[in-house]
Amino acid sequence: MSDGVRQAGILVGTTAPCVLASRADTVDTKLNSIAEAVMSVK
């Protein structure tokens, strides 16, 4: 991983946002995934 790179993961194409989180993910990655899912809701 590079310094300054932010990561997030969600499933695309579902009827509701679905966050992909791993137990090994950092708190920042989990928070970014949730924020990305919230921003994807129309």
N, C-alpha and C. Protein backbone atom coordinates (compact mmCIF):
# COMPACT_ATOMS: atom_id res chain seq x y z
N MET A 1 0.84 -1.17 0.00
CA MET A 1 0.00 0.00 0.00
C MET A 1 0.89 1.24 0.00
N SER A 2 0.44 2.26 -0.70
CA SER A 2 1.19 3.51 -0.77
C SER A 2 0.74 4.46 0.32
N ASP A 3 1.63 5.33 0.74
CA ASP A 3 1.27 6.34 1.73
C ASP A 3 0.27 7.31 1.13
N GLY A 4 -0.72 7.69 1.91
CA GLY A 4 -1.71 8.67 1.47
C GLY A 4 -2.86 8.09 0.67
N VAL A 5 -2.86 6.80 0.41
CA VAL A 5 -3.93 6.17 -0.36
C VAL A 5 -5.03 5.74 0.60
N ARG A 6 -6.27 6.12 0.29
CA ARG A 6 -7.42 5.74 1.10
C ARG A 6 -8.13 4.59 0.42
N GLN A 7 -8.57 3.61 1.20
CA GLN A 7 -9.25 2.45 0.65
C GLN A 7 -10.68 2.38 1.17
N ALA A 8 -11.55 1.74 0.37
CA ALA A 8 -12.93 1.48 0.77
C ALA A 8 -13.45 0.36 -0.11
N GLY A 9 -14.50 -0.30 0.36
CA GLY A 9 -15.07 -1.37 -0.44
C GLY A 9 -16.57 -1.50 -0.23
N ILE A 10 -17.32 -1.50 -1.34
CA ILE A 10 -18.76 -1.75 -1.29
C ILE A 10 -19.12 -2.60 -2.50
N LEU A 11 -20.24 -3.29 -2.41
CA LEU A 11 -20.76 -4.03 -3.56
C LEU A 11 -21.54 -3.07 -4.44
N VAL A 12 -21.38 -3.20 -5.73
CA VAL A 12 -22.07 -2.35 -6.69
C VAL A 12 -23.15 -3.17 -7.39
N GLY A 13 -24.30 -2.53 -7.65
CA GLY A 13 -25.37 -3.21 -8.37
C GLY A 13 -26.41 -3.85 -7.47
N THR A 14 -26.30 -3.63 -6.17
CA THR A 14 -27.29 -4.18 -5.25
C THR A 14 -28.41 -3.16 -5.05
N THR A 15 -29.54 -3.61 -4.50
CA THR A 15 -30.65 -2.68 -4.29
C THR A 15 -30.42 -1.78 -3.08
N ALA A 16 -29.53 -2.18 -2.20
CA ALA A 16 -29.16 -1.36 -1.04
C ALA A 16 -27.63 -1.39 -0.92
N PRO A 17 -27.05 -0.32 -0.38
CA PRO A 17 -25.59 -0.31 -0.21
C PRO A 17 -25.14 -1.47 0.67
N CYS A 18 -24.09 -2.13 0.26
CA CYS A 18 -23.56 -3.27 1.00
C CYS A 18 -22.07 -3.05 1.22
N VAL A 19 -21.69 -2.82 2.46
CA VAL A 19 -20.30 -2.53 2.81
C VAL A 19 -19.53 -3.84 2.95
N LEU A 20 -18.35 -3.88 2.35
CA LEU A 20 -17.46 -5.03 2.50
C LEU A 20 -16.37 -4.67 3.50
N ALA A 21 -16.43 -5.27 4.66
CA ALA A 21 -15.43 -4.98 5.68
C ALA A 21 -14.81 -6.29 6.17
N SER A 22 -13.54 -6.24 6.41
CA SER A 22 -12.80 -7.38 6.92
C SER A 22 -12.36 -7.09 8.35
N ARG A 23 -12.21 -8.11 9.13
CA ARG A 23 -11.69 -7.91 10.48
C ARG A 23 -10.28 -7.32 10.45
N ALA A 24 -9.57 -7.55 9.36
CA ALA A 24 -8.21 -7.05 9.24
C ALA A 24 -8.14 -5.61 8.75
N ASP A 25 -9.27 -5.05 8.31
CA ASP A 25 -9.28 -3.67 7.84
C ASP A 25 -9.01 -2.71 8.99
N THR A 26 -8.39 -1.59 8.65
CA THR A 26 -8.17 -0.55 9.66
C THR A 26 -9.48 0.19 9.90
N VAL A 27 -9.51 0.95 10.97
CA VAL A 27 -10.69 1.76 11.28
C VAL A 27 -10.94 2.75 10.14
N ASP A 28 -9.88 3.33 9.59
CA ASP A 28 -10.03 4.28 8.48
C ASP A 28 -10.68 3.62 7.27
N THR A 29 -10.27 2.42 6.93
CA THR A 29 -10.84 1.71 5.79
C THR A 29 -12.32 1.41 6.02
N LYS A 30 -12.66 0.98 7.22
CA LYS A 30 -14.06 0.70 7.54
C LYS A 30 -14.89 1.97 7.45
N LEU A 31 -14.38 3.06 8.00
CA LEU A 31 -15.10 4.34 7.96
C LEU A 31 -15.26 4.82 6.52
N ASN A 32 -14.22 4.69 5.70
CA ASN A 32 -14.31 5.09 4.30
C ASN A 32 -15.33 4.25 3.55
N SER A 33 -15.43 2.98 3.84
CA SER A 33 -16.41 2.11 3.20
C SER A 33 -17.83 2.54 3.56
N ILE A 34 -18.05 2.86 4.82
CA ILE A 34 -19.38 3.32 5.24
C ILE A 34 -19.71 4.65 4.59
N ALA A 35 -18.75 5.57 4.55
CA ALA A 35 -18.97 6.87 3.93
C ALA A 35 -19.26 6.72 2.44
N GLU A 36 -18.56 5.85 1.77
CA GLU A 36 -18.80 5.61 0.34
C GLU A 36 -20.20 5.05 0.12
N ALA A 37 -20.64 4.15 0.97
CA ALA A 37 -21.98 3.57 0.85
C ALA A 37 -23.04 4.65 1.08
N VAL A 38 -22.84 5.50 2.05
CA VAL A 38 -23.80 6.58 2.33
C VAL A 38 -23.88 7.54 1.14
N MET A 39 -22.74 7.86 0.55
CA MET A 39 -22.73 8.80 -0.58
C MET A 39 -23.33 8.18 -1.84
N SER A 40 -23.39 6.85 -1.91
CA SER A 40 -23.93 6.20 -3.11
C SER A 40 -25.45 6.13 -3.10
N VAL A 41 -26.09 6.42 -1.96
CA VAL A 41 -27.56 6.36 -1.86
C VAL A 41 -28.15 7.59 -2.55
N LYS A 42 -29.14 7.33 -3.37
CA LYS A 42 -29.76 8.45 -4.10
C LYS A 42 -31.05 8.85 -3.43
